[in-house]
Every structure is written in structure tokens, then in C-alpha cells.
Protein backbone atom coordinates (compact mmCIF):
# COMPACT_ATOMS: atom_id res chain seq x y z
CA MET A 1 128.49 22.69 104.61
CA SER A 2 125.58 25.07 104.36
CA ALA A 3 124.79 26.53 100.98
CA LEU A 4 124.34 29.88 102.69
CA SER A 5 127.34 32.18 102.74
CA LEU A 6 127.99 35.67 104.00
CA ALA A 7 127.65 38.27 101.30
CA PRO A 8 130.65 40.54 100.80
CA ARG A 9 130.30 44.09 102.03
CA ALA A 10 128.21 46.05 99.56
CA LEU A 11 130.16 48.52 97.44
CA TYR A 12 128.02 51.44 98.55
CA GLU A 13 128.89 50.66 102.20
CA GLU A 14 132.59 50.78 101.40
CA VAL A 15 132.10 54.07 99.58
CA ALA A 16 130.09 55.45 102.51
CA GLU A 17 132.89 54.57 104.94
CA LEU A 18 135.50 56.16 102.68
CA LEU A 19 133.51 59.39 102.40
CA ARG A 20 132.74 59.32 106.13
CA GLN A 21 136.43 59.24 106.98
CA ARG A 22 137.18 62.01 104.46
CA ILE A 23 134.49 64.15 106.11
CA PHE A 24 135.86 63.49 109.60
CA ALA A 25 139.38 64.32 108.37
CA ARG A 26 137.97 67.53 106.80
CA GLU A 27 139.23 66.54 103.39
CA LEU A 28 135.62 67.31 102.54
CA GLU A 29 134.90 70.56 104.37
CA PRO A 30 131.58 71.37 106.08
CA GLY A 31 129.34 73.17 103.61
CA SER A 32 131.27 71.97 100.58
CA TRP A 33 129.49 70.54 97.54
CA ILE A 34 130.19 66.88 96.85
CA ASP A 35 131.19 66.51 93.21
CA GLU A 36 129.64 63.12 92.44
CA LEU A 37 131.10 62.83 88.95
CA ARG A 38 134.65 63.62 90.05
CA ILE A 39 134.49 61.26 93.06
CA ALA A 40 132.97 58.43 90.99
CA GLU A 41 135.70 58.80 88.39
CA ALA A 42 138.43 58.93 91.04
CA LEU A 43 137.11 55.74 92.67
CA GLY A 44 136.49 54.01 89.36
CA ILE A 45 132.82 53.34 90.13
CA SER A 46 129.47 54.29 88.66
CA ARG A 47 127.38 57.00 90.29
CA THR A 48 124.79 54.47 91.50
CA PRO A 49 126.77 53.09 94.51
CA LEU A 50 127.99 56.62 95.24
CA ARG A 51 124.43 57.92 95.42
CA GLU A 52 123.45 55.02 97.70
CA ALA A 53 126.43 55.87 99.91
CA LEU A 54 125.31 59.50 100.07
CA LYS A 55 121.85 58.38 101.20
CA VAL A 56 123.48 56.49 104.08
CA LEU A 57 125.50 59.54 105.08
CA ALA A 58 122.43 61.76 104.79
CA ALA A 59 120.57 59.44 107.19
CA GLU A 60 123.50 59.83 109.62
CA GLY A 61 123.35 63.61 109.35
CA LEU A 62 126.79 63.94 107.78
CA VAL A 63 125.48 64.93 104.35
CA THR A 64 122.64 67.26 103.41
CA MET A 65 120.75 66.62 100.18
CA LYS A 66 119.48 69.76 98.46
CA VAL A 67 116.83 69.60 95.74
CA ARG A 68 118.31 70.13 92.26
CA ARG A 69 121.63 71.11 93.85
CA GLY A 70 123.04 67.77 94.97
CA ALA A 71 124.79 66.69 98.16
CA TYR A 72 126.70 68.90 100.58
CA VAL A 73 128.73 68.12 103.68
CA THR A 74 126.56 69.14 106.61
CA GLU A 75 127.41 72.38 108.37
CA VAL A 76 126.89 72.10 112.11
CA SER A 77 125.05 75.10 113.53
CA GLU A 78 125.31 76.24 117.12
CA LYS A 79 121.81 74.86 117.75
CA ASP A 80 122.87 71.50 116.29
CA LEU A 81 125.77 71.40 118.73
CA ARG A 82 123.59 72.32 121.69
CA ASP A 83 121.07 69.63 120.80
CA VAL A 84 123.66 66.92 120.18
CA TYR A 85 125.68 67.64 123.32
CA HIS A 86 122.50 67.85 125.40
CA LEU A 87 121.43 64.37 124.35
CA LEU A 88 124.92 62.92 124.69
CA ALA A 89 125.17 64.36 128.21
CA LEU A 90 121.90 62.63 129.17
CA LEU A 91 122.77 59.29 127.59
CA GLU A 92 126.41 59.05 128.62
CA SER A 93 125.91 60.35 132.16
CA ASP A 94 123.32 57.62 132.62
CA ALA A 95 125.82 55.08 131.27
CA ALA A 96 128.41 56.32 133.79
CA ARG A 97 125.86 55.89 136.56
CA VAL A 98 125.22 52.29 135.51
CA VAL A 99 128.93 51.48 135.26
CA ALA A 100 129.63 52.89 138.75
CA GLN A 101 126.89 50.65 140.11
CA SER A 102 127.48 47.42 138.23
CA ALA A 103 130.97 47.14 136.71
CA SER A 104 133.15 44.32 138.01
CA ASN A 105 136.54 44.96 139.58
CA GLU A 106 138.17 43.64 136.39
CA GLN A 107 136.13 46.08 134.30
CA MET A 108 137.08 48.94 136.60
CA ALA A 109 140.73 47.99 136.13
CA GLN A 110 140.17 48.12 132.37
CA ILE A 111 138.74 51.64 132.69
CA GLU A 112 141.71 52.77 134.80
CA ALA A 113 144.22 51.28 132.36
CA LEU A 114 142.58 53.06 129.42
CA HIS A 115 142.62 56.31 131.35
CA GLN A 116 146.35 55.92 131.94
CA ASN A 117 146.78 55.62 128.17
CA LEU A 118 144.84 58.87 127.83
CA GLU A 119 147.15 60.56 130.36
CA ALA A 120 150.15 59.42 128.31
CA ALA A 121 148.69 60.82 125.08
CA VAL A 122 148.27 64.39 126.30
CA ASP A 123 150.97 65.70 123.93
CA ASN A 124 149.53 63.97 120.85
CA ARG A 125 146.16 65.45 119.85
CA ASP A 126 145.25 62.78 117.29
CA HIS A 127 146.11 59.92 119.63
CA PHE A 128 144.35 61.66 122.51
CA PHE A 129 141.23 62.00 120.39
CA GLU A 130 141.28 58.28 119.51
CA ILE A 131 141.74 57.11 123.10
CA ASN A 132 139.13 59.57 124.33
CA GLU A 133 136.65 58.07 121.88
CA THR A 134 137.60 54.55 122.98
CA PHE A 135 137.10 55.51 126.63
CA HIS A 136 133.55 56.72 126.03
CA MET A 137 132.75 53.66 123.92
CA LEU A 138 134.05 51.38 126.68
CA LEU A 139 131.72 52.92 129.26
CA LEU A 140 128.80 52.47 126.90
CA GLU A 141 129.79 48.86 126.25
CA LEU A 142 130.00 48.14 129.98
CA ALA A 143 126.64 49.84 130.60
CA ASP A 144 125.22 47.31 128.11
CA ASN A 145 122.20 48.97 126.51
CA ARG A 146 122.21 48.48 122.75
CA TRP A 147 119.48 51.05 122.14
CA ARG A 148 121.48 53.73 123.92
CA ASP A 149 124.59 52.62 122.02
CA GLN A 150 122.80 53.07 118.71
CA MET A 151 121.61 56.57 119.58
CA VAL A 152 125.03 57.63 120.84
CA ALA A 153 126.75 56.27 117.72
CA ASP A 154 124.55 58.43 115.48
CA LEU A 155 124.98 61.52 117.66
CA ARG A 156 128.75 61.12 117.82
CA LYS A 157 128.99 61.05 114.04
CA VAL A 158 127.45 64.51 113.92
CA MET A 159 129.62 65.65 116.84
CA LYS A 160 132.72 64.56 114.91
CA LEU A 161 132.00 67.20 112.28
CA ASN A 162 133.23 69.65 114.90
CA ARG A 163 134.68 67.64 117.79
CA HIS A 164 138.27 67.20 116.65
CA SER A 165 138.81 70.88 115.96
CA SER A 166 137.50 71.76 119.42
CA LEU A 167 140.51 70.02 120.95
CA PHE A 168 142.72 72.65 119.35
CA LYS A 169 141.23 75.29 121.65
CA GLU A 170 144.05 76.29 123.95
CA GLY A 171 143.97 74.31 127.17
CA ARG A 172 141.04 72.09 126.18
CA ILE A 173 143.02 68.83 126.12
CA GLU A 174 144.34 69.45 129.62
CA GLN A 175 140.86 70.43 130.80
CA SER A 176 139.31 67.35 129.18
CA LEU A 177 141.93 65.14 130.80
CA ALA A 178 141.19 66.58 134.23
CA GLU A 179 137.48 65.92 133.67
CA HIS A 180 138.20 62.33 132.69
CA ARG A 181 140.34 61.94 135.80
CA ALA A 182 137.43 63.10 137.95
CA ILE A 183 135.00 60.76 136.17
CA VAL A 184 137.29 57.76 136.68
CA GLN A 185 137.68 58.65 140.35
CA ALA A 186 133.89 58.67 140.83
CA LEU A 187 133.53 55.40 138.92
CA THR A 188 136.19 53.53 140.86
CA GLN A 189 134.85 54.85 144.17
CA ARG A 190 131.44 53.45 143.17
CA GLN A 191 129.66 56.81 143.36
CA PRO A 192 126.94 56.59 140.66
CA GLU A 193 125.41 60.04 141.04
CA LEU A 194 128.78 61.77 141.21
CA ALA A 195 129.97 59.88 138.12
CA ALA A 196 126.83 60.96 136.26
CA LYS A 197 127.22 64.57 137.41
CA ARG A 198 130.86 64.71 136.32
CA MET A 199 130.10 63.14 132.95
CA SER A 200 127.36 65.71 132.37
CA ALA A 201 129.78 68.52 133.27
CA HIS A 202 132.32 67.02 130.85
CA PHE A 203 129.84 67.48 127.99
CA THR A 204 128.88 70.98 129.15
CA ASN A 205 132.54 72.02 128.96
CA GLY A 206 132.97 70.18 125.68
CA LEU A 207 130.08 72.12 124.21
CA GLN A 208 131.67 75.43 125.18
CA ALA A 209 134.89 74.44 123.40
CA ALA A 210 133.00 73.13 120.38
CA ARG A 211 130.97 76.35 120.01
CA GLN A 212 134.18 78.35 119.88
CA ALA A 213 135.50 76.04 117.14
CA ILE A 214 132.58 76.64 114.76
């Protein structure tokens, strides 16, 4: 047996994940000050792992560190949204193009099955949001480019500061579902450029909804 063993997950990583989920759930509102002392006491930890966790979240764009003022949950400006959605449209439309060209029949069946789950979740916003995220992650996984995956993961964390609330715009879930339906059709018909075009349009429409949710 090797003397080497896997180290347990660092405490600051666990704290970062906890705060990340609280930010996404809007328990910590955009623009709000993060009370380090109160959070450390509530978690029963020192401020050292908390501060390390905040550095991680700052690197992800979820937290903004202000000199002599502490940490704040990042507020997403309209320019931030435009920039993030622009890059996601480029990266994910390219992934859709690759999938339309190279996915196996079994992988296409997996995409169709996941889309059917999305169709069934139209009356449950939270579940719809989760499956929608899984759908996009599946396309990225099938496109198989770890550098693109890394960039998209970081961008989607910032998008989540606003993304969930944008689904509450009247009619957006139904519109998003129709866009997904069109993307899946292009994928399964092996039309790379059409799949890319429809994915790009999906993000253009998503941006419009997100801007109204600011």
C-alpha cells in the first residue's frame, strides 16, 4: 500500500462552495457586504479559511474585494452581462457545431432524452433551470475541449448571479424551451452550422431576458 494518500478537501474549499451556493440562491444578495465575523462565528471557524474562500470567489468573479471595506457580492452590470453572454455564445455555439459533426448515435439519443426531461419540467422553474444547465454541460462534455470547458465554467458562475431570475420573465421558460427544441433538431439532423446559429440565437435571447432582470 502506498504511503501516499489523498488529502481531505481543504476547509476553505468547503467554505467557498457553501458561500457560492448562498450567492446563487441569493441568500447573499448582489451588492451586499459579506460580514466575515458573523459568518465565521456561524460556521464555527476562524476568519483565515473564510478569507481564503473569499479569495477563491473573487477569482471567479462572484465576490468583489474593496480596499479597507472588505468583501461584497458582485453586482452584475449590463456591460458584464453583454460581455459574458457574448463569450458564451461564441464558445457554446462552437461546441454545438462540433457535437452536430461528431457525436455518436448513442450520444445523440442521450441529448434527446435530456431534452425530453426539459420538456417535462416546464412547469417547475427550479427543476427546469437544473436540467437546462445539465443540457449545456452535456454538449460541452461531448464536444470534448477541456480549455473551452474551463472558460465556460467560469463565465457561467458569473451568469448565475443573474441567470435564475431571468427565467421569471414572463414567457421566457417557454421561449427557452422552444430554442432548445430547435437546437436539438439541428443537432440530430447533423446540421453543424444551423446548430451553431441556433445556439448563438439562444444566448442572444437569453441576454435580453437577463438585462430585464437586472
